[in-house]
Amino acid sequence: MKWILFVLLFALSAFAAEVVDSSKAQPNIPLPRQTAYTGKGLSVGIGAGAYKPTEDCDCVGNWQGQLEYFYTPNITAGIDVRFLGGNLDSDVMIMYQRYRINLRVHKAFESLDLYLEPIFGLENTDISEFREQVKAHKSSIRQDGWFTPMFPVDTTDADSARGECEKMFSLDGFSLGIGAGAGYRLTELWGLTGSVLLEYNFSRAIQLTLTPGVALDLQRIWPWAKKNLRSTWLSLEFGTQRFFNRGVEEWAAFGFLGFQIGV
């Protein structure tokens, strides 16, 4: 009886050691857009920040969410949603939405993950529609006699500035893109991320987006997350993007503070 009990205890201790070793060996590398490479499971990420289209445009709020699933250790599929909202200039308030689906092919190493991804996107807001509504409303007010300017107003410069702003939000309908990204676990606590994305929109627009970032592994300082989740990252991303065929010479800038969990 004692020998049987000894064998059972030895087997349980060996199994526990194997579980601990496997958990330590489980990959956990931060990736762009509030995602992480874990080799399996589901990744959920959210982020909030600001977007600055051009010098002539005001900053607007920026929110995004990302959901990604590991079909195999090397293939993931995901969907992300991005919202832009706020006062673009003195006349226009904008609510701008983009939806994208992606398929990532990963090549993972001990502390590094590289991926390529095709992207299919949909944009359902054209800011020019908002401007036409605002102009029509102001014209109606003037015609009704509610407002009569003392001096004629030259709107040429304002319209030009608005045109630059509009070009930064003019991806209309469907778009296709190809992207590449990487995540590197620099230390046990910190990681680096980076991505490049080139998109072609069917409104004949080409857009390039570059997004570097840094991430903090919360599992190293949050015992509950280490015990119950595959990954938990707090990330900070600063990106820039530009159109190449619409006469816009400026680079737009944006930043995100993000949170990611893997289950």
Protein backbone atom coordinates (compact mmCIF):
# COMPACT_ATOMS: atom_id res chain seq x y z
CA MET A 1 0.00 0.00 0.00
CA LYS A 2 2.83 2.37 0.88
CA TRP A 3 4.53 1.62 -2.45
CA ILE A 4 1.32 2.39 -4.37
CA LEU A 5 0.94 5.68 -2.49
CA PHE A 6 4.58 6.54 -3.21
CA VAL A 7 4.13 5.84 -6.93
CA LEU A 8 0.98 8.01 -7.09
CA LEU A 9 2.71 10.90 -5.32
CA PHE A 10 5.69 10.62 -7.66
CA ALA A 11 3.41 10.61 -10.72
CA LEU A 12 1.46 13.65 -9.49
CA SER A 13 4.65 15.58 -8.75
CA ALA A 14 6.03 14.76 -12.20
CA PHE A 15 2.77 15.86 -13.85
CA ALA A 16 2.75 19.13 -11.87
CA ALA A 17 6.34 19.83 -12.87
CA GLU A 18 5.46 19.21 -16.51
CA VAL A 19 2.51 21.61 -16.31
CA VAL A 20 4.70 24.31 -14.77
CA ASP A 21 7.40 23.80 -17.40
CA SER A 22 4.86 23.94 -20.23
CA SER A 23 3.33 27.13 -18.83
CA LYS A 24 6.75 28.71 -18.63
CA ALA A 25 7.51 27.64 -22.19
CA GLN A 26 4.25 29.04 -23.54
CA PRO A 27 5.04 31.89 -25.96
CA ASN A 28 3.86 35.37 -25.06
CA ILE A 29 5.08 38.11 -27.41
CA PRO A 30 3.38 41.51 -27.91
CA LEU A 31 2.24 42.47 -31.40
CA PRO A 32 0.85 45.63 -33.04
CA ARG A 33 -2.80 46.74 -32.75
CA GLN A 34 -3.24 45.39 -29.22
CA THR A 35 -2.56 41.76 -30.10
CA ALA A 36 -0.06 39.15 -28.91
CA TYR A 37 1.44 35.90 -30.11
CA THR A 38 0.57 33.01 -27.78
CA GLY A 39 0.36 30.15 -30.29
CA LYS A 40 -3.25 29.31 -29.44
CA GLY A 41 -6.43 30.71 -28.00
CA LEU A 42 -8.20 34.03 -28.45
CA SER A 43 -6.81 37.56 -28.22
CA VAL A 44 -8.91 40.61 -27.35
CA GLY A 45 -7.55 44.15 -27.47
CA ILE A 46 -8.87 47.68 -27.05
CA GLY A 47 -7.20 51.05 -27.48
CA ALA A 48 -7.95 54.76 -27.23
CA GLY A 49 -6.03 57.83 -28.27
CA ALA A 50 -5.92 60.81 -30.62
CA TYR A 51 -5.57 61.35 -34.36
CA LYS A 52 -4.08 64.47 -35.99
CA PRO A 53 -4.81 64.49 -39.76
CA THR A 54 -2.91 67.65 -40.80
CA GLU A 55 -1.75 70.91 -39.26
CA ASP A 56 -4.96 72.56 -40.48
CA CYS A 57 -7.19 69.96 -38.81
CA ASP A 58 -7.99 69.65 -35.13
CA CYS A 59 -7.20 66.46 -33.23
CA VAL A 60 -10.05 63.97 -32.99
CA GLY A 61 -10.62 61.07 -30.64
CA ASN A 62 -9.55 57.63 -31.82
CA TRP A 63 -10.85 54.26 -30.55
CA GLN A 64 -10.22 50.76 -31.81
CA GLY A 65 -10.86 47.15 -30.89
CA GLN A 66 -9.24 43.94 -32.15
CA LEU A 67 -10.35 40.31 -31.92
CA GLU A 68 -8.02 37.55 -33.13
CA TYR A 69 -8.18 33.75 -33.03
CA PHE A 70 -5.34 31.22 -33.44
CA TYR A 71 -6.46 28.50 -35.86
CA THR A 72 -2.98 26.99 -35.70
CA PRO A 73 0.25 28.17 -34.04
CA ASN A 74 1.18 29.85 -37.35
CA ILE A 75 -2.17 31.13 -38.65
CA THR A 76 -4.57 33.62 -37.07
CA ALA A 77 -7.66 35.43 -38.32
CA GLY A 78 -9.02 38.61 -36.85
CA ILE A 79 -11.34 41.56 -37.13
CA ASP A 80 -10.79 45.11 -35.94
CA VAL A 81 -12.97 48.20 -35.73
CA ARG A 82 -11.78 51.79 -35.57
CA PHE A 83 -13.78 54.92 -34.75
CA LEU A 84 -12.74 58.55 -35.14
CA GLY A 85 -14.89 61.24 -33.58
CA GLY A 86 -14.75 64.90 -32.64
CA ASN A 87 -14.59 68.40 -34.10
CA LEU A 88 -12.49 68.30 -37.24
CA ASP A 89 -12.61 72.08 -37.67
CA SER A 90 -14.80 75.01 -36.61
CA ASP A 91 -17.76 73.84 -38.69
CA VAL A 92 -17.70 70.07 -38.80
CA MET A 93 -18.14 67.31 -36.27
CA ILE A 94 -17.12 63.91 -37.63
CA MET A 95 -17.87 60.31 -36.79
CA TYR A 96 -15.74 58.09 -38.96
CA GLN A 97 -15.77 54.27 -38.94
CA ARG A 98 -13.56 51.57 -40.44
CA TYR A 99 -13.97 47.81 -40.30
CA ARG A 100 -11.23 45.37 -41.32
CA ILE A 101 -10.64 41.64 -41.37
CA ASN A 102 -7.17 40.13 -41.60
CA LEU A 103 -5.38 36.81 -41.90
CA ARG A 104 -1.92 36.58 -40.35
CA VAL A 105 0.79 34.06 -41.15
CA HIS A 106 3.30 33.92 -38.29
CA LYS A 107 6.92 32.85 -37.97
CA ALA A 108 7.70 32.65 -34.27
CA PHE A 109 11.00 32.34 -32.44
CA GLU A 110 11.79 32.26 -28.73
CA SER A 111 11.45 36.04 -28.20
CA LEU A 112 10.44 37.24 -31.67
CA ASP A 113 7.38 36.89 -33.88
CA LEU A 114 7.15 37.99 -37.52
CA TYR A 115 3.99 38.01 -39.59
CA LEU A 116 2.51 38.90 -42.97
CA GLU A 117 -1.16 39.75 -43.37
CA PRO A 118 -3.60 40.50 -46.17
CA ILE A 119 -6.36 42.90 -45.10
CA PHE A 120 -9.86 43.56 -46.40
CA GLY A 121 -11.46 46.79 -45.20
CA LEU A 122 -14.73 48.70 -45.36
CA GLU A 123 -15.29 52.37 -44.64
CA ASN A 124 -18.83 53.62 -44.35
CA THR A 125 -18.42 57.37 -43.78
CA ASP A 126 -17.56 60.16 -46.22
CA ILE A 127 -16.84 63.42 -44.45
CA SER A 128 -17.87 65.49 -47.49
CA GLU A 129 -21.47 64.52 -46.78
CA PHE A 130 -21.23 66.19 -43.38
CA ARG A 131 -19.78 69.35 -44.93
CA GLU A 132 -22.53 69.57 -47.53
CA GLN A 133 -25.15 69.31 -44.78
CA VAL A 134 -23.46 72.04 -42.75
CA LYS A 135 -23.14 74.36 -45.77
CA ALA A 136 -26.76 73.77 -46.76
CA HIS A 137 -27.92 74.51 -43.22
CA LYS A 138 -25.93 77.76 -43.03
CA SER A 139 -27.17 78.82 -46.46
CA SER A 140 -30.75 78.22 -45.36
CA ILE A 141 -30.23 80.34 -42.24
CA ARG A 142 -28.83 83.24 -44.27
CA GLN A 143 -31.66 83.06 -46.81
CA ASP A 144 -34.25 83.13 -44.04
CA GLY A 145 -32.74 86.35 -42.75
CA TRP A 146 -31.51 84.96 -39.45
CA PHE A 147 -27.94 86.04 -40.08
CA THR A 148 -26.54 88.77 -42.32
CA PRO A 149 -22.77 89.33 -42.37
CA MET A 150 -21.54 92.95 -42.30
CA PHE A 151 -18.66 92.17 -44.65
CA PRO A 152 -18.25 89.43 -47.28
CA VAL A 153 -16.18 86.53 -46.03
CA ASP A 154 -13.44 85.02 -48.17
CA THR A 155 -13.66 81.26 -47.67
CA THR A 156 -10.99 80.24 -50.17
CA ASP A 157 -8.32 79.49 -47.56
CA ALA A 158 -10.79 77.76 -45.29
CA ASP A 159 -12.08 75.59 -48.12
CA SER A 160 -8.50 74.70 -49.08
CA ALA A 161 -7.67 73.68 -45.51
CA ARG A 162 -10.87 71.67 -45.31
CA GLY A 163 -9.94 69.99 -48.56
CA GLU A 164 -6.68 68.79 -47.04
CA CYS A 165 -8.60 67.45 -44.05
CA GLU A 166 -11.13 65.74 -46.27
CA LYS A 167 -8.45 63.89 -48.20
CA MET A 168 -7.27 62.26 -44.97
CA PHE A 169 -10.75 60.78 -44.46
CA SER A 170 -11.71 59.97 -48.04
CA LEU A 171 -11.19 56.20 -48.18
CA ASP A 172 -14.68 55.30 -49.34
CA GLY A 173 -16.12 51.81 -49.66
CA PHE A 174 -13.84 48.78 -49.89
CA SER A 175 -10.07 48.54 -49.63
CA LEU A 176 -7.42 45.85 -49.92
CA GLY A 177 -4.07 45.89 -48.19
CA ILE A 178 -0.94 43.97 -47.36
CA GLY A 179 0.88 44.38 -44.09
CA ALA A 180 3.87 43.10 -42.16
CA GLY A 181 4.64 43.31 -38.48
CA ALA A 182 6.84 42.11 -35.68
CA GLY A 183 6.93 41.79 -31.93
CA TYR A 184 10.04 41.36 -29.82
CA ARG A 185 10.25 40.49 -26.15
CA LEU A 186 13.07 42.78 -25.09
CA THR A 187 13.08 41.77 -21.40
CA GLU A 188 10.81 39.82 -19.08
CA LEU A 189 8.82 43.01 -18.52
CA TRP A 190 9.06 44.98 -21.79
CA GLY A 191 8.43 44.32 -25.46
CA LEU A 192 8.68 46.21 -28.74
CA THR A 193 6.23 46.17 -31.65
CA GLY A 194 6.14 47.55 -35.17
CA SER A 195 4.08 47.26 -38.35
CA VAL A 196 3.78 48.63 -41.87
CA LEU A 197 0.55 48.56 -43.87
CA LEU A 198 -0.06 49.53 -47.51
CA GLU A 199 -3.70 49.86 -48.58
CA TYR A 200 -5.43 50.48 -51.89
CA ASN A 201 -8.97 51.81 -51.77
CA PHE A 202 -11.39 51.44 -54.68
CA SER A 203 -11.81 55.22 -54.67
CA ARG A 204 -8.26 55.15 -56.15
CA ALA A 205 -6.48 56.10 -52.97
CA ILE A 206 -3.22 54.61 -51.69
CA GLN A 207 -2.34 54.90 -48.02
CA LEU A 208 0.80 53.92 -46.10
CA THR A 209 0.69 53.43 -42.32
CA LEU A 210 3.71 52.94 -40.03
CA THR A 211 3.13 52.00 -36.38
CA PRO A 212 5.94 51.45 -33.85
CA GLY A 213 5.15 50.77 -30.20
CA VAL A 214 6.25 49.57 -26.78
CA ALA A 215 4.42 47.13 -24.48
CA LEU A 216 4.47 46.22 -20.78
CA ASP A 217 3.81 42.62 -19.68
CA LEU A 218 1.26 42.94 -16.86
CA GLN A 219 1.55 39.25 -16.01
CA ARG A 220 4.91 40.00 -14.40
CA ILE A 221 3.27 42.34 -11.88
CA TRP A 222 -0.30 40.96 -11.75
CA PRO A 223 -0.44 37.43 -10.28
CA TRP A 224 -4.09 36.85 -11.20
CA ALA A 225 -3.40 37.54 -14.88
CA LYS A 226 -0.39 35.22 -14.86
CA LYS A 227 -2.48 32.43 -13.37
CA ASN A 228 -5.64 32.79 -15.49
CA LEU A 229 -4.68 34.37 -18.83
CA ARG A 230 -2.34 33.48 -21.66
CA SER A 231 -1.21 37.08 -22.10
CA THR A 232 -1.87 40.53 -20.65
CA TRP A 233 -0.18 43.54 -22.23
CA LEU A 234 -0.42 47.29 -21.77
CA SER A 235 0.81 48.99 -24.95
CA LEU A 236 1.62 52.46 -26.24
CA GLU A 237 1.70 52.97 -30.02
CA PHE A 238 2.56 56.05 -32.07
CA GLY A 239 1.90 55.88 -35.78
CA THR A 240 1.97 57.96 -38.93
CA GLN A 241 0.23 57.61 -42.29
CA ARG A 242 0.13 59.32 -45.64
CA PHE A 243 -1.71 59.36 -48.96
CA PHE A 244 0.54 59.22 -52.01
CA ASN A 245 -1.81 60.08 -54.87
CA ARG A 246 -4.08 62.83 -53.56
CA GLY A 247 -1.76 65.80 -53.34
CA VAL A 248 -1.38 65.65 -49.55
CA GLU A 249 2.25 66.22 -48.58
CA GLU A 250 1.75 66.00 -44.82
CA TRP A 251 1.93 62.90 -42.67
CA ALA A 252 -0.96 62.31 -40.30
CA ALA A 253 -0.08 61.24 -36.74
CA PHE A 254 -1.91 59.16 -34.16
CA GLY A 255 -1.32 57.53 -30.80
CA PHE A 256 -2.95 54.70 -28.85
CA LEU A 257 -2.89 53.51 -25.26
CA GLY A 258 -4.03 49.89 -25.48
CA PHE A 259 -4.85 46.87 -23.35
CA GLN A 260 -4.73 43.24 -24.50
CA ILE A 261 -5.65 39.89 -22.96
CA GLY A 262 -5.24 36.37 -24.32
CA VAL A 263 -7.49 33.51 -23.22
